[in-house]
């Protein structure tokens, strides 16, 4: 495998790891309250 092929494989693996980390961080049960807050705020009455 050439250097450019190896670089593409490593870059793809790095992007997959970063994407997995972002998904795991976003869907962490500890963050659910912070993620759901804007939705509930939008549905609340202004009065």
PDB file of N, CA and C in Angstrom:
ATOM      1  N   UNK A   1       0.855  -1.169   0.000  1.00  0.00           N
ATOM      2  CA  UNK A   1       0.000   0.000   0.000  1.00  0.00           C
ATOM      3  C   UNK A   1       0.901   1.232   0.000  1.00  0.00           C
ATOM      4  N   UNK A   2       0.572   2.176  -0.832  1.00  0.00           N
ATOM      5  CA  UNK A   2       1.378   3.389  -0.930  1.00  0.00           C
ATOM      6  C   UNK A   2       1.084   4.320   0.247  1.00  0.00           C
ATOM      7  N   UNK A   3       1.907   5.330   0.365  1.00  0.00           N
ATOM      8  CA  UNK A   3       1.732   6.288   1.452  1.00  0.00           C
ATOM      9  C   UNK A   3       0.398   7.008   1.345  1.00  0.00           C
ATOM     10  N   UNK A   4       0.011   7.393   0.134  1.00  0.00           N
ATOM     11  CA  UNK A   4      -1.257   8.120  -0.015  1.00  0.00           C
ATOM     12  C   UNK A   4      -2.450   7.226   0.334  1.00  0.00           C
ATOM     13  N   UNK A   5      -2.380   5.955  -0.012  1.00  0.00           N
ATOM     14  CA  UNK A   5      -3.453   5.036   0.347  1.00  0.00           C
ATOM     15  C   UNK A   5      -3.550   4.855   1.846  1.00  0.00           C
ATOM     16  N   UNK A   6      -2.406   4.726   2.504  1.00  0.00           N
ATOM     17  CA  UNK A   6      -2.380   4.599   3.953  1.00  0.00           C
ATOM     18  C   UNK A   6      -2.885   5.866   4.620  1.00  0.00           C
ATOM     19  N   UNK A   7      -2.533   7.028   4.068  1.00  0.00           N
ATOM     20  CA  UNK A   7      -2.996   8.298   4.623  1.00  0.00           C
ATOM     21  C   UNK A   7      -4.517   8.401   4.527  1.00  0.00           C
ATOM     22  N   UNK A   8      -5.097   7.974   3.401  1.00  0.00           N
ATOM     23  CA  UNK A   8      -6.558   8.005   3.252  1.00  0.00           C
ATOM     24  C   UNK A   8      -7.242   7.079   4.257  1.00  0.00           C
ATOM     25  N   UNK A   9      -6.677   5.897   4.469  1.00  0.00           N
ATOM     26  CA  UNK A   9      -7.264   4.948   5.420  1.00  0.00           C
ATOM     27  C   UNK A   9      -7.194   5.520   6.834  1.00  0.00           C
ATOM     28  N   UNK A  10      -6.057   6.064   7.225  1.00  0.00           N
ATOM     29  CA  UNK A  10      -5.909   6.634   8.565  1.00  0.00           C
ATOM     30  C   UNK A  10      -6.817   7.844   8.758  1.00  0.00           C
ATOM     31  N   UNK A  11      -6.945   8.674   7.729  1.00  0.00           N
ATOM     32  CA  UNK A  11      -7.826   9.837   7.813  1.00  0.00           C
ATOM     33  C   UNK A  11      -9.282   9.403   7.965  1.00  0.00           C
ATOM     34  N   UNK A  12      -9.686   8.370   7.253  1.00  0.00           N
ATOM     35  CA  UNK A  12     -11.055   7.861   7.349  1.00  0.00           C
ATOM     36  C   UNK A  12     -11.324   7.300   8.745  1.00  0.00           C
ATOM     37  N   UNK A  13     -10.365   6.565   9.277  1.00  0.00           N
ATOM     38  CA  UNK A  13     -10.519   6.022  10.630  1.00  0.00           C
ATOM     39  C   UNK A  13     -10.591   7.148  11.646  1.00  0.00           C
ATOM     40  N   UNK A  14      -9.760   8.165  11.482  1.00  0.00           N
ATOM     41  CA  UNK A  14      -9.784   9.317  12.389  1.00  0.00           C
ATOM     42  C   UNK A  14     -11.134  10.026  12.339  1.00  0.00           C
ATOM     43  N   UNK A  15     -11.680  10.240  11.152  1.00  0.00           N
ATOM     44  CA  UNK A  15     -12.999  10.881  11.040  1.00  0.00           C
ATOM     45  C   UNK A  15     -14.094  10.024  11.670  1.00  0.00           C
ATOM     46  N   UNK A  16     -14.007   8.708  11.529  1.00  0.00           N
ATOM     47  CA  UNK A  16     -15.006   7.821  12.135  1.00  0.00           C
ATOM     48  C   UNK A  16     -14.927   7.902  13.657  1.00  0.00           C
ATOM     49  N   UNK A  17     -13.722   7.952  14.199  1.00  0.00           N
ATOM     50  CA  UNK A  17     -13.560   8.048  15.655  1.00  0.00           C
ATOM     51  C   UNK A  17     -14.099   9.382  16.168  1.00  0.00           C
ATOM     52  N   UNK A  18     -13.805  10.467  15.462  1.00  0.00           N
ATOM     53  CA  UNK A  18     -14.297  11.786  15.870  1.00  0.00           C
ATOM     54  C   UNK A  18     -15.821  11.834  15.794  1.00  0.00           C
ATOM     55  N   UNK A  19     -16.386  11.296  14.713  1.00  0.00           N
ATOM     56  CA  UNK A  19     -17.850  11.277  14.576  1.00  0.00           C
ATOM     57  C   UNK A  19     -18.486  10.447  15.684  1.00  0.00           C
ATOM     58  N   UNK A  20     -17.900   9.304  16.001  1.00  0.00           N
ATOM     59  CA  UNK A  20     -18.416   8.473  17.083  1.00  0.00           C
ATOM     60  C   UNK A  20     -18.344   9.186  18.418  1.00  0.00           C
ATOM     61  N   UNK A  21     -17.279   9.943  18.646  1.00  0.00           N
ATOM     62  CA  UNK A  21     -17.147  10.698  19.886  1.00  0.00           C
ATOM     63  C   UNK A  21     -18.194  11.786  20.001  1.00  0.00           C
ATOM     64  N   UNK A  22     -18.456  12.475  18.907  1.00  0.00           N
ATOM     65  CA  UNK A  22     -19.484  13.523  18.914  1.00  0.00           C
ATOM     66  C   UNK A  22     -20.861  12.919  19.182  1.00  0.00           C
ATOM     67  N   UNK A  23     -21.149  11.799  18.545  1.00  0.00           N
ATOM     68  CA  UNK A  23     -22.443  11.145  18.742  1.00  0.00           C
ATOM     69  C   UNK A  23     -22.579  10.660  20.185  1.00  0.00           C
ATOM     70  N   UNK A  24     -21.530  10.056  20.723  1.00  0.00           N
ATOM     71  CA  UNK A  24     -21.575   9.577  22.104  1.00  0.00           C
ATOM     72  C   UNK A  24     -21.729  10.738  23.082  1.00  0.00           C
ATOM     73  N   UNK A  25     -21.073  11.860  22.809  1.00  0.00           N
ATOM     74  CA  UNK A  25     -21.186  13.033  23.681  1.00  0.00           C
ATOM     75  C   UNK A  25     -22.595  13.614  23.620  1.00  0.00           C
ATOM     76  N   UNK A  26     -23.163  13.702  22.421  1.00  0.00           N
ATOM     77  CA  UNK A  26     -24.478  14.312  22.264  1.00  0.00           C
ATOM     78  C   UNK A  26     -25.579  13.451  22.885  1.00  0.00           C
ATOM     79  N   UNK A  27     -25.515  12.154  22.715  1.00  0.00           N
ATOM     80  CA  UNK A  27     -26.570  11.269  23.202  1.00  0.00           C
ATOM     81  C   UNK A  27     -26.304  10.723  24.598  1.00  0.00           C
ATOM     82  N   UNK A  28     -25.369  11.303  25.307  1.00  0.00           N
ATOM     83  CA  UNK A  28     -25.093  10.900  26.681  1.00  0.00           C
ATOM     84  C   UNK A  28     -26.321  11.205  27.542  1.00  0.00           C
ATOM     85  N   UNK A  29     -26.802  10.245  28.331  1.00  0.00           N
ATOM     86  CA  UNK A  29     -28.002  10.475  29.154  1.00  0.00           C
ATOM     87  C   UNK A  29     -27.857  11.642  30.138  1.00  0.00           C
ATOM     88  N   UNK A  30     -26.651  11.964  30.539  1.00  0.00           N
ATOM     89  CA  UNK A  30     -26.443  13.073  31.465  1.00  0.00           C
ATOM     90  C   UNK A  30     -26.751  14.420  30.813  1.00  0.00           C
ATOM     91  N   UNK A  31     -26.675  14.508  29.485  1.00  0.00           N
ATOM     92  CA  UNK A  31     -26.908  15.758  28.781  1.00  0.00           C
ATOM     93  C   UNK A  31     -28.350  15.905  28.297  1.00  0.00           C
ATOM     94  N   UNK A  32     -29.192  14.926  28.546  1.00  0.00           N
ATOM     95  CA  UNK A  32     -30.555  14.946  28.006  1.00  0.00           C
ATOM     96  C   UNK A  32     -31.325  16.191  28.439  1.00  0.00           C
ATOM     97  N   UNK A  33     -31.194  16.598  29.685  1.00  0.00           N
ATOM     98  CA  UNK A  33     -31.910  17.778  30.183  1.00  0.00           C
ATOM     99  C   UNK A  33     -31.486  19.030  29.410  1.00  0.00           C
ATOM    100  N   UNK A  34     -30.203  19.193  29.148  1.00  0.00           N
ATOM    101  CA  UNK A  34     -29.720  20.365  28.415  1.00  0.00           C
ATOM    102  C   UNK A  34     -30.167  20.347  26.968  1.00  0.00           C
ATOM    103  N   UNK A  35     -30.247  19.173  26.379  1.00  0.00           N
ATOM    104  CA  UNK A  35     -30.636  19.058  24.975  1.00  0.00           C
ATOM    105  C   UNK A  35     -32.134  19.294  24.819  1.00  0.00           C
ATOM    106  N   UNK A  36     -32.929  18.819  25.750  1.00  0.00           N
ATOM    107  CA  UNK A  36     -34.382  18.934  25.664  1.00  0.00           C
ATOM    108  C   UNK A  36     -34.909  20.297  26.117  1.00  0.00           C
ATOM    109  N   UNK A  37     -34.122  21.074  26.824  1.00  0.00           N
ATOM    110  CA  UNK A  37     -34.589  22.344  27.384  1.00  0.00           C
ATOM    111  C   UNK A  37     -35.108  23.324  26.324  1.00  0.00           C
ATOM    112  N   UNK A  38     -34.406  23.553  25.213  1.00  0.00           N
ATOM    113  CA  UNK A  38     -34.941  24.510  24.230  1.00  0.00           C
ATOM    114  C   UNK A  38     -36.284  24.077  23.636  1.00  0.00           C
ATOM    115  N   UNK A  39     -36.480  22.775  23.472  1.00  0.00           N
ATOM    116  CA  UNK A  39     -37.754  22.290  22.939  1.00  0.00           C
ATOM    117  C   UNK A  39     -38.892  22.618  23.889  1.00  0.00           C
ATOM    118  N   UNK A  40     -38.684  22.394  25.180  1.00  0.00           N
ATOM    119  CA  UNK A  40     -39.734  22.673  26.156  1.00  0.00           C
ATOM    120  C   UNK A  40     -39.943  24.174  26.328  1.00  0.00           C
ATOM    121  N   UNK A  41     -38.871  24.940  26.211  1.00  0.00           N
ATOM    122  CA  UNK A  41     -38.984  26.392  26.323  1.00  0.00           C
ATOM    123  C   UNK A  41     -39.811  26.949  25.159  1.00  0.00           C
ATOM    124  N   UNK A  42     -39.643  26.379  23.971  1.00  0.00           N
ATOM    125  CA  UNK A  42     -40.383  26.840  22.806  1.00  0.00           C
ATOM    126  C   UNK A  42     -41.877  26.534  22.958  1.00  0.00           C
ATOM    127  N   UNK A  43     -42.214  25.440  23.612  1.00  0.00           N
ATOM    128  CA  UNK A  43     -43.601  25.051  23.742  1.00  0.00           C
ATOM    129  C   UNK A  43     -44.322  25.705  24.910  1.00  0.00           C
ATOM    130  N   UNK A  44     -43.587  26.338  25.798  1.00  0.00           N
ATOM    131  CA  UNK A  44     -44.194  27.022  26.940  1.00  0.00           C
ATOM    132  C   UNK A  44     -44.960  28.254  26.476  1.00  0.00           C
ATOM    133  N   UNK A  45     -46.004  28.595  27.220  1.00  0.00           N
ATOM    134  CA  UNK A  45     -46.774  29.814  26.915  1.00  0.00           C
ATOM    135  C   UNK A  45     -45.973  31.029  27.328  1.00  0.00           C
ATOM    136  N   UNK A  46     -46.201  32.132  26.630  1.00  0.00           N
ATOM    137  CA  UNK A  46     -45.495  33.365  26.951  1.00  0.00           C
ATOM    138  C   UNK A  46     -46.110  34.082  28.154  1.00  0.00           C
ATOM    139  N   UNK A  47     -47.326  33.780  28.472  1.00  0.00           N
ATOM    140  CA  UNK A  47     -48.009  34.469  29.563  1.00  0.00           C
ATOM    141  C   UNK A  47     -47.542  34.033  30.898  1.00  0.00           C
TER     142      UNK A  47
END
